[in-house]
Amino acid sequence: MSDNWLLQRLAQFRDHSALVWREQPFGYDVLLRRVEEWRNALSRRGVEPGQCVALRGGFSPGAATLLMALAANRNIAVPLTTKVAAEQDRALKIAAAQWLVEFDGDDQWELSHLEPEHDPPLLQELRRTSEAGLIVFSSGSTGEIKASLLSFTRLLNGYRDRRATPLRTLAFLMLDHVGGINTLFHILVGGGTIITLAERTPEAICSGIERHRVQLLPTTPTFLRMMLISEAYKKYDLGSLELITYGTEPMPEATLKALHAALPGVRLKQTYGLTEVGILPTKSQGNDSLWLAVGGKGFETKIVDGVLWIRSSTSMIGYLNAPSPFDADGWMNTGDLVEQQGDYIRFLGRKSEIINIGGEKVFPAEVENVIQQLDNVKEVTVRGRSNPITGSVVVATVELHRPEDHAALEKRIRAACSGRLAPFKVPAMVEVSSETLCGDRFKKKRKVAIQ
């Protein structure tokens, strides 16, 4: 089978710890045995290669080894987590799932047979190649979930050249996210150990780093800001930590500089990837720099009118429920505006989020970076609102640590922005969110209820 190389690679680390779940270590030998047990169980239950199998659960030994078994068995895997329970039925219909494996909190599982209403042409196309498949869901700009179909076989082949680097790594993103899947295979192929925790609060993460001597923390800028605000990093010994990688959303410059000052001995690396094209190799210009080089083997990049375009050997086959985002030559317009200096680029923001005020452009991240540094501001998002005179005005939505007089809050936010930004970038309105601005994936939410 085409994916035997993966199991053979993992067999080289049989005597090492592969995964820590509920404080209990599981060796590579245990994981390999469970993969074989899964393959036998799927065969006995009538699950055939090419069939679409959804799995719903957390980052557990059962879910991780089932994902590997589905890849080896040339199935089409659909990882879901308990966070998308409300959308599960919708996701299962879009994916035309034929089977569902559900894990409970103790990693016990139950297999159900489903009757899909249709057989999407893209799934038929994948089956003809005899490759394993992977369907990953993400939220589109309209809020409707998008189903990306990838070749699991090609995705895994991208890890073949991974060198043995046995890092103890904390699992932050879940298995329903391309970042969580990347953590799973990137670390295991390198002979490392993945640490899973029951909670993802700053306190729990910092405690886990100390307890398990974690070397690598892959996370998000929003979580890192929460960690800095909580000062949890001061309460625990983080001396084992060597590298923090951050991605999935823009990193505020103020947060990066504060993080570098708080953890001067830790290397900070910006990552970049999209479900549609994969995770690109990156190189940050420095620990406190937002400039990075992107691209490498299997990836091509170009900048057109300030927007980053990518062509990849691991690009998805397509969306199951939306038009293809690729042009005739296989290039994808990421929608990310960048500026360039030699081999390095810096992300300015999504083109769709730029605010146009009387012909002048405002990047939300620039305004957010100023407001985030103010006392009592826990989080902030900036957007445009239609205005009949200027076209748009800047609106800032803040989440506060404690209640504050609205007039006084708006006055000091506008004063801080006026001192550092051009007049047209100063928020015309300040709103206070009645809910958290942090989503389940520890990214900013830009659609929230206002007080």
Foldseek 3Di string as FASTA:
>chain_A
DLCVVLLVLLVVLQVAFAEADPNRTDGSVNLSVLLVVLLVVCVVVPNAALAEEEEEEWPDSLVLSNVVNLQVRNYEYQYHYPVCVVCVVVVCQLSQHQKYWYADPVRDIDIDGDGHPDDFPLSVVSVVVSFHKYWAWDADPVRDIWIFIFRPSLVLVVLSPQAQDAFEEEQQFTPSDLVNVCVNNNNSSNSYYYYYDPDDALLRVLVVCQVVLGAEYEAELLRLLNNLVVVSNVVGDNVSHAEYEYEPFDHQLVSQVSSCVVCVRHAYHYWDDDPQAHTWDKDAPGSSGQKIATHDPQKDWDADPQWIKIAGPRGTPAISPDHRQADPVRIHGPQWGWDDDVRIIGTQAGVVFWDQFQNDTDGFSVLQSQQVVDPFFSGKTWGWDQDPPGRTAIEMETEGPDDDDQVVSLVVSQVSCVVPHDPRRRGPYYWYFPDDLQDPRRDGNPDGHTD
